[in-house]
Amino acid sequence: MAKKATVERVAELAMRLGGRPLADYGSTRSRMSEQYLERKGYGSRWAVEAFFSGLKRTMGSTLTSRKPSQLLAEAAFKVLAYTLRR
């Protein structure tokens, strides 16, 4: 009986803080098919992480410019040079 009251209290607090009821937490994941995940781009983060890891390793992870416009230009040149070098 005490455990049920605790679960109900947590659900009530979650709703008060703008969350969802506890019953909804597992239902979304069960509807995700392989086609749904592929369509939404799930699993493509690894490619981006690998690109930035290689970029930092090859070109260095620091920028030397001081002005924001020059920082952007320096970063763009590093990305361009790394992309052409690959």
C-alpha atoms as a PDB file:
ATOM      1  CA  MET A   1       0.000   0.000   0.000  1.00  0.00           C
ATOM      2  CA  ALA A   2       2.833   2.427   0.829  1.00  0.00           C
ATOM      3  CA  LYS A   3       4.573   1.725  -2.496  1.00  0.00           C
ATOM      4  CA  LYS A   4       1.439   2.561  -4.475  1.00  0.00           C
ATOM      5  CA  ALA A   5       1.045   5.810  -2.580  1.00  0.00           C
ATOM      6  CA  THR A   6       4.668   6.701  -3.400  1.00  0.00           C
ATOM      7  CA  VAL A   7       4.178   6.029  -7.124  1.00  0.00           C
ATOM      8  CA  GLU A   8       0.992   8.089  -7.137  1.00  0.00           C
ATOM      9  CA  ARG A   9       2.776  10.914  -5.312  1.00  0.00           C
ATOM     10  CA  VAL A  10       5.653  10.896  -7.831  1.00  0.00           C
ATOM     11  CA  ALA A  11       3.173  10.927 -10.723  1.00  0.00           C
ATOM     12  CA  GLU A  12       1.328  13.833  -9.133  1.00  0.00           C
ATOM     13  CA  LEU A  13       4.555  15.808  -8.654  1.00  0.00           C
ATOM     14  CA  ALA A  14       5.638  15.099 -12.226  1.00  0.00           C
ATOM     15  CA  MET A  15       2.324  16.377 -13.571  1.00  0.00           C
ATOM     16  CA  ARG A  16       2.564  19.477 -11.394  1.00  0.00           C
ATOM     17  CA  LEU A  17       6.039  20.209 -12.790  1.00  0.00           C
ATOM     18  CA  GLY A  18       4.784  19.909 -16.361  1.00  0.00           C
ATOM     19  CA  GLY A  19       5.798  16.295 -16.968  1.00  0.00           C
ATOM     20  CA  ARG A  20       3.853  13.379 -18.368  1.00  0.00           C
ATOM     21  CA  PRO A  21       2.054  10.724 -16.365  1.00  0.00           C
ATOM     22  CA  LEU A  22       4.246   7.731 -15.552  1.00  0.00           C
ATOM     23  CA  ALA A  23       2.118   5.418 -17.697  1.00  0.00           C
ATOM     24  CA  ASP A  24       3.262   7.266 -20.870  1.00  0.00           C
ATOM     25  CA  TYR A  25       7.003   6.800 -20.398  1.00  0.00           C
ATOM     26  CA  GLY A  26       7.335   3.366 -22.060  1.00  0.00           C
ATOM     27  CA  SER A  27       4.627   3.669 -24.680  1.00  0.00           C
ATOM     28  CA  THR A  28       6.535   5.947 -27.060  1.00  0.00           C
ATOM     29  CA  ARG A  29       9.577   3.700 -27.273  1.00  0.00           C
ATOM     30  CA  SER A  30       7.456   0.639 -28.057  1.00  0.00           C
ATOM     31  CA  ARG A  31       5.992   2.386 -31.140  1.00  0.00           C
ATOM     32  CA  MET A  32       9.425   3.092 -32.663  1.00  0.00           C
ATOM     33  CA  SER A  33       9.970   0.711 -35.530  1.00  0.00           C
ATOM     34  CA  GLU A  34      13.208   0.407 -37.485  1.00  0.00           C
ATOM     35  CA  GLN A  35      11.658   2.378 -40.364  1.00  0.00           C
ATOM     36  CA  TYR A  36      10.481   5.132 -37.984  1.00  0.00           C
ATOM     37  CA  LEU A  37      13.937   5.495 -36.459  1.00  0.00           C
ATOM     38  CA  GLU A  38      15.608   5.547 -39.872  1.00  0.00           C
ATOM     39  CA  ARG A  39      13.167   8.166 -41.153  1.00  0.00           C
ATOM     40  CA  LYS A  40      13.850  10.403 -38.137  1.00  0.00           C
ATOM     41  CA  GLY A  41      17.626  10.104 -38.559  1.00  0.00           C
ATOM     42  CA  TYR A  42      18.179   8.113 -35.387  1.00  0.00           C
ATOM     43  CA  GLY A  43      21.665   6.653 -35.188  1.00  0.00           C
ATOM     44  CA  SER A  44      23.347   9.218 -37.425  1.00  0.00           C
ATOM     45  CA  ARG A  45      24.950  11.085 -34.542  1.00  0.00           C
ATOM     46  CA  TRP A  46      27.942   8.736 -34.604  1.00  0.00           C
ATOM     47  CA  ALA A  47      28.920  10.040 -38.072  1.00  0.00           C
ATOM     48  CA  VAL A  48      28.894  13.645 -36.861  1.00  0.00           C
ATOM     49  CA  GLU A  49      30.877  12.737 -33.738  1.00  0.00           C
ATOM     50  CA  ALA A  50      33.448  10.877 -35.852  1.00  0.00           C
ATOM     51  CA  PHE A  51      33.797  13.862 -38.194  1.00  0.00           C
ATOM     52  CA  PHE A  52      34.382  16.341 -35.365  1.00  0.00           C
ATOM     53  CA  SER A  53      36.760  13.965 -33.606  1.00  0.00           C
ATOM     54  CA  GLY A  54      38.872  13.655 -36.752  1.00  0.00           C
ATOM     55  CA  LEU A  55      38.683  17.397 -37.370  1.00  0.00           C
ATOM     56  CA  LYS A  56      39.937  18.223 -33.881  1.00  0.00           C
ATOM     57  CA  ARG A  57      42.650  15.563 -34.009  1.00  0.00           C
ATOM     58  CA  THR A  58      43.928  16.703 -37.415  1.00  0.00           C
ATOM     59  CA  MET A  59      43.432  20.471 -37.294  1.00  0.00           C
ATOM     60  CA  GLY A  60      43.687  21.109 -33.571  1.00  0.00           C
ATOM     61  CA  SER A  61      40.892  22.014 -31.221  1.00  0.00           C
ATOM     62  CA  THR A  62      41.760  25.674 -30.661  1.00  0.00           C
ATOM     63  CA  LEU A  63      41.103  28.813 -32.660  1.00  0.00           C
ATOM     64  CA  THR A  64      43.556  31.720 -32.454  1.00  0.00           C
ATOM     65  CA  SER A  65      41.374  34.576 -33.721  1.00  0.00           C
ATOM     66  CA  ARG A  66      39.904  37.099 -31.309  1.00  0.00           C
ATOM     67  CA  LYS A  67      37.065  38.739 -33.223  1.00  0.00           C
ATOM     68  CA  PRO A  68      33.827  36.752 -33.594  1.00  0.00           C
ATOM     69  CA  SER A  69      33.777  37.223 -37.373  1.00  0.00           C
ATOM     70  CA  GLN A  70      37.355  35.984 -37.651  1.00  0.00           C
ATOM     71  CA  LEU A  71      36.610  33.025 -35.352  1.00  0.00           C
ATOM     72  CA  LEU A  72      33.832  31.978 -37.697  1.00  0.00           C
ATOM     73  CA  ALA A  73      36.071  32.370 -40.749  1.00  0.00           C
ATOM     74  CA  GLU A  74      38.918  30.430 -39.123  1.00  0.00           C
ATOM     75  CA  ALA A  75      36.583  27.604 -38.120  1.00  0.00           C
ATOM     76  CA  ALA A  76      35.101  27.505 -41.636  1.00  0.00           C
ATOM     77  CA  PHE A  77      38.563  27.303 -43.193  1.00  0.00           C
ATOM     78  CA  LYS A  78      39.548  24.478 -40.842  1.00  0.00           C
ATOM     79  CA  VAL A  79      36.407  22.529 -41.725  1.00  0.00           C
ATOM     80  CA  LEU A  80      36.957  23.152 -45.451  1.00  0.00           C
ATOM     81  CA  ALA A  81      40.620  22.112 -45.286  1.00  0.00           C
ATOM     82  CA  TYR A  82      39.792  18.972 -43.318  1.00  0.00           C
ATOM     83  CA  THR A  83      36.987  18.046 -45.700  1.00  0.00           C
ATOM     84  CA  LEU A  84      39.223  18.463 -48.740  1.00  0.00           C
ATOM     85  CA  ARG A  85      42.042  16.522 -47.054  1.00  0.00           C
ATOM     86  CA  ARG A  86      39.844  13.500 -46.246  1.00  0.00           C
END
